[in-house]
């Protein structure tokens, strides 16, 4: 039960020729113009009456210093114990929400090697409320219907 855009919105807005010239996109990291640095993470939301969480797989813009630290620790066992949460901003607009999500303040928490970072929404927003309070299976179905344009 997860969904998310394949790239930060800033990357997706570039035409393919521009993408090739201006940066690089991987499955978990993206750099644009040597000025914008992104890490892919998971906003996990408890689904009531089930043990499986719903997750938004989204992109977070972080500072160059944090990006370099995260990159240096990418394959280091125990990396989750070597760093405090990083501050960043959501780099995707999730149009299912009434208020914009692009630019929401977040904390990016490193996990064990092989696991995407956990993202905690810190701004006051309905997405943060869902993360804190959980959602129903019906809400998961609503999200799936909208994402899959049903």
Protein backbone atom coordinates (compact mmCIF):
# COMPACT_ATOMS: atom_id res chain seq x y z
CA UNK A 1 0.00 0.00 0.00
CA UNK A 2 2.29 2.72 -1.25
CA UNK A 3 2.41 5.27 -4.00
CA UNK A 4 4.52 8.22 -4.98
CA UNK A 5 5.94 10.26 -7.83
CA UNK A 6 9.08 9.03 -9.55
CA UNK A 7 10.87 12.38 -9.18
CA UNK A 8 10.74 15.70 -7.37
CA UNK A 9 8.30 18.12 -9.02
CA UNK A 10 11.19 20.41 -9.94
CA UNK A 11 12.77 17.57 -11.97
CA UNK A 12 9.48 16.53 -13.57
CA UNK A 13 8.94 20.13 -14.75
CA UNK A 14 12.12 19.99 -16.84
CA UNK A 15 11.99 18.78 -20.45
CA UNK A 16 14.18 15.69 -21.08
CA UNK A 17 16.99 17.70 -22.75
CA UNK A 18 17.09 20.04 -19.74
CA UNK A 19 17.16 17.10 -17.33
CA UNK A 20 20.18 15.64 -19.09
CA UNK A 21 22.06 18.95 -18.95
CA UNK A 22 21.05 20.15 -15.51
CA UNK A 23 21.18 17.19 -13.19
CA UNK A 24 20.84 13.57 -12.32
CA UNK A 25 17.97 11.44 -11.07
CA UNK A 26 18.38 8.06 -9.40
CA UNK A 27 15.88 5.88 -7.59
CA UNK A 28 16.57 7.56 -4.23
CA UNK A 29 18.60 10.72 -4.91
CA UNK A 30 18.35 13.68 -7.27
CA UNK A 31 20.49 16.76 -7.91
CA UNK A 32 19.51 19.74 -10.06
CA UNK A 33 21.95 22.48 -11.10
CA UNK A 34 24.27 21.55 -8.24
CA UNK A 35 21.94 23.67 -6.07
CA UNK A 36 18.92 21.51 -5.30
CA UNK A 37 19.38 18.19 -3.49
CA UNK A 38 16.67 15.60 -2.96
CA UNK A 39 16.30 12.30 -1.11
CA UNK A 40 13.37 9.90 -1.51
CA UNK A 41 11.61 8.93 1.69
CA UNK A 42 8.43 7.41 3.12
CA UNK A 43 5.56 9.13 4.87
CA UNK A 44 4.04 6.19 6.71
CA UNK A 45 0.43 6.32 7.86
CA UNK A 46 -1.21 3.73 10.08
CA UNK A 47 -4.28 2.13 8.52
CA UNK A 48 -6.91 1.38 11.15
CA UNK A 49 -7.81 -2.29 11.66
CA UNK A 50 -4.77 -3.57 9.79
CA UNK A 51 -1.07 -4.08 10.47
CA UNK A 52 0.04 -2.76 7.07
CA UNK A 53 0.75 0.97 6.87
CA UNK A 54 0.00 3.13 3.85
CA UNK A 55 3.07 5.00 2.58
CA UNK A 56 3.59 8.00 0.36
CA UNK A 57 6.95 7.57 -1.42
CA UNK A 58 7.92 11.20 -1.82
CA UNK A 59 10.94 13.41 -2.39
CA UNK A 60 12.45 15.73 0.21
CA UNK A 61 14.70 18.68 -0.59
CA UNK A 62 17.59 18.90 1.88
CA UNK A 63 20.62 21.17 2.25
CA UNK A 64 23.81 20.36 0.36
CA UNK A 65 25.57 19.56 3.65
CA UNK A 66 22.89 17.12 4.71
CA UNK A 67 22.78 15.58 1.24
CA UNK A 68 26.54 14.95 1.35
CA UNK A 69 26.32 13.44 4.84
CA UNK A 70 23.43 11.19 3.82
CA UNK A 71 25.38 10.14 0.70
CA UNK A 72 28.53 9.39 2.73
CA UNK A 73 26.52 7.15 5.07
CA UNK A 74 24.42 5.54 2.30
CA UNK A 75 25.94 2.05 2.67
CA UNK A 76 27.25 2.31 6.25
CA UNK A 77 25.77 -0.30 8.59
CA UNK A 78 24.35 1.39 11.67
CA UNK A 79 23.93 4.70 9.83
CA UNK A 80 20.56 5.24 11.54
CA UNK A 81 22.43 5.61 14.84
CA UNK A 82 25.00 8.04 13.46
CA UNK A 83 22.74 10.94 12.57
CA UNK A 84 19.95 13.06 13.96
CA UNK A 85 16.90 13.73 11.80
CA UNK A 86 17.59 16.08 8.90
CA UNK A 87 15.34 19.05 8.17
CA UNK A 88 13.89 19.41 4.71
CA UNK A 89 10.87 20.29 2.63
CA UNK A 90 8.44 18.13 0.71
CA UNK A 91 9.30 18.38 -2.99
CA UNK A 92 6.04 16.98 -4.39
CA UNK A 93 2.52 18.31 -4.68
CA UNK A 94 0.06 15.63 -3.60
CA UNK A 95 -3.10 16.95 -5.22
CA UNK A 96 -5.38 14.75 -3.10
CA UNK A 97 -5.13 17.25 -0.27
CA UNK A 98 -7.04 20.53 -0.07
CA UNK A 99 -3.99 22.56 0.96
CA UNK A 100 -0.68 22.40 -0.93
CA UNK A 101 1.89 19.84 0.18
CA UNK A 102 4.81 21.21 -1.86
CA UNK A 103 7.21 22.90 0.54
CA UNK A 104 5.84 21.41 3.77
CA UNK A 105 8.50 21.26 6.50
CA UNK A 106 9.58 17.74 7.41
CA UNK A 107 12.13 15.74 9.36
CA UNK A 108 13.96 13.03 7.43
CA UNK A 109 15.01 10.13 9.68
CA UNK A 110 17.64 7.71 8.41
CA UNK A 111 16.94 3.99 8.71
CA UNK A 112 19.04 0.86 8.34
CA UNK A 113 20.78 0.28 5.00
CA UNK A 114 18.29 -0.87 2.38
CA UNK A 115 15.38 1.08 3.91
CA UNK A 116 14.21 4.45 2.70
CA UNK A 117 14.22 7.23 5.29
CA UNK A 118 11.13 7.86 7.39
CA UNK A 119 9.57 11.29 6.80
CA UNK A 120 7.75 13.10 9.58
CA UNK A 121 5.55 16.04 8.58
CA UNK A 122 6.14 18.92 11.01
CA UNK A 123 3.96 21.67 9.47
CA UNK A 124 0.31 21.96 10.44
CA UNK A 125 -1.46 20.14 7.60
CA UNK A 126 -4.07 17.42 7.10
CA UNK A 127 -1.28 15.09 5.90
CA UNK A 128 0.42 15.50 9.29
CA UNK A 129 -2.91 14.77 10.99
CA UNK A 130 -3.30 11.58 8.94
CA UNK A 131 0.24 10.57 9.83
CA UNK A 132 -0.39 11.09 13.53
CA UNK A 133 -3.94 9.72 13.76
CA UNK A 134 -4.04 7.08 11.03
CA UNK A 135 -6.58 6.59 8.27
CA UNK A 136 -9.36 4.14 7.47
CA UNK A 137 -9.29 1.48 4.78
CA UNK A 138 -11.94 3.56 3.02
CA UNK A 139 -9.48 6.50 2.87
CA UNK A 140 -6.83 4.20 1.38
CA UNK A 141 -9.35 3.20 -1.29
CA UNK A 142 -10.13 6.88 -1.97
CA UNK A 143 -6.41 7.57 -2.43
CA UNK A 144 -6.02 4.56 -4.74
CA UNK A 145 -9.03 5.62 -6.82
CA UNK A 146 -7.67 9.14 -7.27
CA UNK A 147 -4.11 8.01 -7.97
CA UNK A 148 -5.28 5.44 -10.51
CA UNK A 149 -7.89 7.88 -11.96
CA UNK A 150 -10.83 5.57 -11.32
